Amino acid sequence: MPDYPDIYADGFSVTAGDYGVTITLRRSQPSGEPGPHQDPSDIVARIRLAPNTAKAIADATTSILRTVAEAKGDPKTTISH
């Protein structure tokens, strides 16, 4: 078993200020009601980062997604920056 948390999230929010960035990860709760609805969600993690670390993560994620989209050859999933 890993000695770090293994977290699944299907939603997030990001807030930023002069001294830091906070990413809140959420997991939706399915609703049994038909039709459009707003699912409540549980916070599964909150990550606080220095702005330069958040930027490095964003840049790396964009690069990886661009590589995956280009490998698929799917223009709809190509990331532009």
Protein backbone atom coordinates (compact mmCIF):
# COMPACT_ATOMS: atom_id res chain seq x y z
CA MET A 1 0.00 0.00 0.00
CA PRO A 2 1.40 3.42 -0.90
CA ASP A 3 2.42 5.76 1.89
CA TYR A 4 0.70 8.67 0.15
CA PRO A 5 -3.01 9.27 -0.49
CA ASP A 6 -4.53 7.93 -3.71
CA ILE A 7 -7.29 10.39 -4.61
CA TYR A 8 -9.95 10.35 -7.34
CA ALA A 9 -11.65 13.61 -8.30
CA ASP A 10 -13.95 14.58 -11.16
CA GLY A 11 -14.18 18.28 -10.40
CA PHE A 12 -11.97 21.09 -9.19
CA SER A 13 -11.73 24.77 -8.44
CA VAL A 14 -8.68 27.00 -8.47
CA THR A 15 -8.13 30.20 -6.53
CA ALA A 16 -5.03 32.36 -6.68
CA GLY A 17 -3.59 35.28 -4.80
CA ASP A 18 -0.31 37.16 -4.70
CA TYR A 19 1.39 34.51 -2.56
CA GLY A 20 -0.20 31.22 -3.52
CA VAL A 21 -2.57 29.06 -5.50
CA THR A 22 -5.14 26.69 -3.99
CA ILE A 23 -6.59 23.76 -5.95
CA THR A 24 -9.66 22.12 -4.41
CA LEU A 25 -10.47 18.66 -5.76
CA ARG A 26 -14.03 17.35 -5.56
CA ARG A 27 -15.87 14.11 -6.21
CA SER A 28 -19.49 14.31 -7.40
CA GLN A 29 -22.23 12.41 -5.70
CA PRO A 30 -24.60 10.79 -8.21
CA SER A 31 -28.19 11.92 -8.08
CA GLY A 32 -31.11 9.56 -8.52
CA GLU A 33 -33.32 12.34 -9.83
CA PRO A 34 -34.01 12.53 -13.58
CA GLY A 35 -33.31 15.68 -15.56
CA PRO A 36 -30.83 18.48 -15.11
CA HIS A 37 -29.58 19.00 -11.60
CA GLN A 38 -26.66 20.34 -9.60
CA ASP A 39 -24.85 17.46 -7.92
CA PRO A 40 -23.49 18.19 -4.49
CA SER A 41 -19.89 17.16 -4.17
CA ASP A 42 -17.44 16.22 -1.46
CA ILE A 43 -14.04 17.86 -1.15
CA VAL A 44 -11.46 15.08 -1.39
CA ALA A 45 -8.30 17.22 -1.23
CA ARG A 46 -7.08 20.78 -1.03
CA ILE A 47 -3.62 21.54 -2.40
CA ARG A 48 -1.78 24.77 -1.65
CA LEU A 49 1.09 25.70 -3.96
CA ALA A 50 3.59 28.46 -4.53
CA PRO A 51 2.67 30.34 -7.73
CA ASN A 52 5.81 29.13 -9.56
CA THR A 53 5.00 25.50 -8.69
CA ALA A 54 1.41 25.89 -9.93
CA LYS A 55 2.70 27.39 -13.19
CA ALA A 56 5.19 24.51 -13.65
CA ILE A 57 2.36 21.97 -13.13
CA ALA A 58 0.11 23.82 -15.60
CA ASP A 59 2.89 23.99 -18.21
CA ALA A 60 3.76 20.30 -17.80
CA THR A 61 0.09 19.26 -18.00
CA THR A 62 -0.46 21.33 -21.15
CA SER A 63 2.63 19.81 -22.76
CA ILE A 64 1.57 16.25 -21.94
CA LEU A 65 -1.99 16.81 -23.20
CA ARG A 66 -0.65 18.36 -26.40
CA THR A 67 1.56 15.30 -26.98
CA VAL A 68 -1.34 12.91 -26.39
CA ALA A 69 -3.67 14.88 -28.72
CA GLU A 70 -1.04 14.99 -31.47
CA ALA A 71 -0.38 11.25 -31.11
CA LYS A 72 -4.10 10.60 -31.55
CA GLY A 73 -4.20 12.88 -34.59
CA ASP A 74 -7.48 14.29 -33.35
CA PRO A 75 -7.73 18.04 -34.15
CA LYS A 76 -10.65 18.40 -31.71
CA THR A 77 -8.42 17.46 -28.77
CA THR A 78 -5.31 19.41 -29.82
CA ILE A 79 -4.30 21.87 -27.14
CA SER A 80 -3.10 25.31 -28.22
CA HIS A 81 -1.10 27.57 -25.95
